[in-house]
C-alpha atoms as a PDB file:
ATOM      1  CA  MET A   1      82.046  54.564 108.742  1.00  0.00           C
ATOM      2  CA  LYS A   2      84.089  55.191 105.688  1.00  0.00           C
ATOM      3  CA  LYS A   3      82.489  58.624 105.284  1.00  0.00           C
ATOM      4  CA  LEU A   4      83.345  59.550 108.837  1.00  0.00           C
ATOM      5  CA  PHE A   5      87.012  58.453 108.290  1.00  0.00           C
ATOM      6  CA  ILE A   6      87.220  60.591 105.123  1.00  0.00           C
ATOM      7  CA  LEU A   7      85.670  63.599 106.909  1.00  0.00           C
ATOM      8  CA  ILE A   8      88.231  63.249 109.748  1.00  0.00           C
ATOM      9  CA  ILE A   9      91.101  63.039 107.134  1.00  0.00           C
ATOM     10  CA  LEU A  10      89.736  66.218 105.418  1.00  0.00           C
ATOM     11  CA  VAL A  11      89.326  68.083 108.610  1.00  0.00           C
ATOM     12  CA  ASN A  12      92.923  67.325 109.674  1.00  0.00           C
ATOM     13  CA  ILE A  13      94.267  68.435 106.139  1.00  0.00           C
ATOM     14  CA  VAL A  14      92.358  71.719 106.431  1.00  0.00           C
ATOM     15  CA  PHE A  15      93.559  72.567 110.123  1.00  0.00           C
ATOM     16  CA  SER A  16      97.105  71.386 109.373  1.00  0.00           C
ATOM     17  CA  SER A  17      97.223  73.719 106.257  1.00  0.00           C
ATOM     18  CA  CYS A  18      96.311  76.601 108.190  1.00  0.00           C
ATOM     19  CA  LYS A  19      99.268  78.882 109.176  1.00  0.00           C
ATOM     20  CA  LYS A  20      99.381  80.157 112.781  1.00  0.00           C
ATOM     21  CA  GLU A  21     100.356  83.798 112.489  1.00  0.00           C
ATOM     22  CA  GLU A  22     103.027  84.945 114.920  1.00  0.00           C
ATOM     23  CA  LYS A  23     101.817  87.488 117.524  1.00  0.00           C
ATOM     24  CA  THR A  24     103.398  90.865 117.043  1.00  0.00           C
ATOM     25  CA  TYR A  25     103.783  93.679 119.536  1.00  0.00           C
ATOM     26  CA  SER A  26     103.830  97.332 119.510  1.00  0.00           C
ATOM     27  CA  VAL A  27     106.292  99.618 121.519  1.00  0.00           C
ATOM     28  CA  ILE A  28     106.640 103.113 122.583  1.00  0.00           C
ATOM     29  CA  TYR A  29     109.683 104.580 124.110  1.00  0.00           C
ATOM     30  CA  LYS A  30     109.613 107.690 126.339  1.00  0.00           C
ATOM     31  CA  ILE A  31     111.969 109.907 128.172  1.00  0.00           C
ATOM     32  CA  ILE A  32     110.941 112.622 130.803  1.00  0.00           C
ATOM     33  CA  GLU A  33     113.663 115.118 131.661  1.00  0.00           C
ATOM     34  CA  LYS A  34     112.771 116.149 135.339  1.00  0.00           C
ATOM     35  CA  SER A  35     115.605 118.487 136.493  1.00  0.00           C
ATOM     36  CA  SER A  36     115.260 122.286 136.713  1.00  0.00           C
ATOM     37  CA  ARG A  37     117.958 122.660 134.288  1.00  0.00           C
ATOM     38  CA  THR A  38     117.847 122.394 130.436  1.00  0.00           C
ATOM     39  CA  PRO A  39     120.218 119.695 129.464  1.00  0.00           C
ATOM     40  CA  THR A  40     120.854 118.336 125.938  1.00  0.00           C
ATOM     41  CA  TYR A  41     120.451 114.776 125.359  1.00  0.00           C
ATOM     42  CA  ILE A  42     120.584 111.955 122.801  1.00  0.00           C
ATOM     43  CA  ALA A  43     117.977 109.167 122.854  1.00  0.00           C
ATOM     44  CA  ARG A  44     118.821 105.686 121.270  1.00  0.00           C
ATOM     45  CA  TYR A  45     116.335 102.826 120.929  1.00  0.00           C
ATOM     46  CA  SER A  46     116.088  99.456 119.317  1.00  0.00           C
ATOM     47  CA  LEU A  47     113.812  98.744 116.267  1.00  0.00           C
ATOM     48  CA  PRO A  48     111.985  95.454 115.277  1.00  0.00           C
ATOM     49  CA  ASP A  49     114.665  94.545 112.833  1.00  0.00           C
ATOM     50  CA  GLY A  50     117.317  94.813 115.663  1.00  0.00           C
ATOM     51  CA  SER A  51     118.923  97.915 114.404  1.00  0.00           C
ATOM     52  CA  THR A  52     119.226 101.134 116.653  1.00  0.00           C
ATOM     53  CA  GLN A  53     117.761 104.624 116.052  1.00  0.00           C
ATOM     54  CA  SER A  54     119.341 107.673 117.499  1.00  0.00           C
ATOM     55  CA  VAL A  55     117.742 111.030 118.070  1.00  0.00           C
ATOM     56  CA  GLY A  56     119.347 114.249 119.206  1.00  0.00           C
ATOM     57  CA  SER A  57     120.191 116.780 120.461  1.00  0.00           C
ATOM     58  CA  ILE A  58     117.015 117.040 122.419  1.00  0.00           C
ATOM     59  CA  THR A  59     116.272 119.803 124.838  1.00  0.00           C
ATOM     60  CA  LYS A  60     112.696 118.972 125.503  1.00  0.00           C
ATOM     61  CA  GLU A  61     111.346 117.942 128.842  1.00  0.00           C
ATOM     62  CA  PHE A  62     109.233 115.189 127.299  1.00  0.00           C
ATOM     63  CA  TRP A  63     110.396 113.012 124.425  1.00  0.00           C
ATOM     64  CA  VAL A  64     108.461 110.033 123.033  1.00  0.00           C
ATOM     65  CA  THR A  65     108.536 107.890 119.892  1.00  0.00           C
ATOM     66  CA  ASP A  66     105.380 107.138 117.715  1.00  0.00           C
ATOM     67  CA  LYS A  67     104.077 103.651 118.129  1.00  0.00           C
ATOM     68  CA  ILE A  68     106.506 101.179 116.510  1.00  0.00           C
ATOM     69  CA  ILE A  69     104.882  97.988 115.288  1.00  0.00           C
ATOM     70  CA  ASN A  70     105.928  94.426 114.406  1.00  0.00           C
ATOM     71  CA  TYR A  71     108.149  93.456 117.200  1.00  0.00           C
ATOM     72  CA  LYS A  72     108.097  89.683 117.810  1.00  0.00           C
ATOM     73  CA  ALA A  73     108.116  87.626 121.005  1.00  0.00           C
ATOM     74  CA  ASN A  74     111.695  87.548 122.551  1.00  0.00           C
ATOM     75  CA  SER A  75     112.689  90.699 120.752  1.00  0.00           C
ATOM     76  CA  TYR A  76     115.416  92.743 122.617  1.00  0.00           C
ATOM     77  CA  LEU A  77     114.206  96.204 123.547  1.00  0.00           C
ATOM     78  CA  SER A  78     116.663  98.944 124.651  1.00  0.00           C
ATOM     79  CA  LEU A  79     116.276 102.633 125.373  1.00  0.00           C
ATOM     80  CA  SER A  80     119.157 104.826 126.351  1.00  0.00           C
ATOM     81  CA  VAL A  81     119.938 108.490 127.229  1.00  0.00           C
ATOM     82  CA  GLU A  82     123.086 110.182 127.106  1.00  0.00           C
ATOM     83  CA  GLY A  83     123.124 113.763 128.325  1.00  0.00           C
ATOM     84  CA  SER A  84     125.141 116.764 129.262  1.00  0.00           C
ATOM     85  CA  GLY A  85     124.106 119.650 131.592  1.00  0.00           C
ATOM     86  CA  GLY A  86     123.246 117.694 134.758  1.00  0.00           C
ATOM     87  CA  GLY A  87     119.953 116.228 133.621  1.00  0.00           C
ATOM     88  CA  GLU A  88     117.871 113.644 135.551  1.00  0.00           C
ATOM     89  CA  TYR A  89     115.529 111.373 133.316  1.00  0.00           C
ATOM     90  CA  ASP A  90     112.871 108.689 133.703  1.00  0.00           C
ATOM     91  CA  LEU A  91     113.060 106.236 131.025  1.00  0.00           C
ATOM     92  CA  TYR A  92     109.936 104.228 129.980  1.00  0.00           C
ATOM     93  CA  ILE A  93     109.014 101.201 127.608  1.00  0.00           C
ATOM     94  CA  TYR A  94     105.433 100.479 126.852  1.00  0.00           C
ATOM     95  CA  ILE A  95     104.417  97.354 125.052  1.00  0.00           C
ATOM     96  CA  ASN A  96     100.870  97.320 123.536  1.00  0.00           C
ATOM     97  CA  GLY A  97     100.075 100.364 125.436  1.00  0.00           C
ATOM     98  CA  THR A  98     100.899  99.147 128.952  1.00  0.00           C
ATOM     99  CA  LEU A  99     104.038 100.245 130.833  1.00  0.00           C
ATOM    100  CA  ALA A 100     106.490  97.319 130.774  1.00  0.00           C
ATOM    101  CA  LYS A 101     109.512  98.904 132.403  1.00  0.00           C
ATOM    102  CA  THR A 102     110.923 102.005 133.782  1.00  0.00           C
ATOM    103  CA  ARG A 103     114.045 103.481 135.468  1.00  0.00           C
ATOM    104  CA  PRO A 104     115.695 106.746 136.612  1.00  0.00           C
ATOM    105  CA  ALA A 105     118.773 107.897 134.948  1.00  0.00           C
ATOM    106  CA  ASN A 106     121.157 110.861 135.522  1.00  0.00           C
ATOM    107  CA  ASP A 107     123.997 112.591 133.402  1.00  0.00           C
ATOM    108  CA  GLY A 108     127.698 112.120 134.095  1.00  0.00           C
ATOM    109  CA  PHE A 109     127.794 108.345 134.074  1.00  0.00           C
ATOM    110  CA  GLY A 110     127.702 107.867 130.329  1.00  0.00           C
ATOM    111  CA  PRO A 111     124.854 106.403 128.561  1.00  0.00           C
ATOM    112  CA  GLN A 112     122.059 105.017 130.911  1.00  0.00           C
ATOM    113  CA  LYS A 113     120.168 102.129 129.520  1.00  0.00           C
ATOM    114  CA  LEU A 114     116.760 100.533 130.055  1.00  0.00           C
ATOM    115  CA  GLU A 115     116.659  96.995 128.658  1.00  0.00           C
ATOM    116  CA  MET A 116     114.305  94.153 128.386  1.00  0.00           C
ATOM    117  CA  GLU A 117     112.954  91.314 126.269  1.00  0.00           C
ATOM    118  CA  ILE A 118     109.461  90.839 125.094  1.00  0.00           C
ATOM    119  CA  SER A 119     108.237  87.656 126.707  1.00  0.00           C
ATOM    120  CA  ASN A 120     105.381  85.437 125.224  1.00  0.00           C
END
């Protein structure tokens, strides 16, 4: 009985000392310009540390980030487009390779944003 009690204590110590690693997520931001014009636009997106990255002037029909890693649960995600020239856009956020959110956007109304939070 004494050996069983000691074994239970040792098992509890081993399992309580193991750190549970926090799950991280990868994110990809994408913009598709779908008008027949060739507008110039700026893309802004949030990074895992909470800062924002800006890219522009972009004239491509298709813009996408590389996979950005180390976002944590409850991280705020934001993608915005600000253009000139009558552009029409579709904005996309992918989490771990799966489309999480999308929305259309147009020039002439200031920056157009797509926002969300990573849920557990």
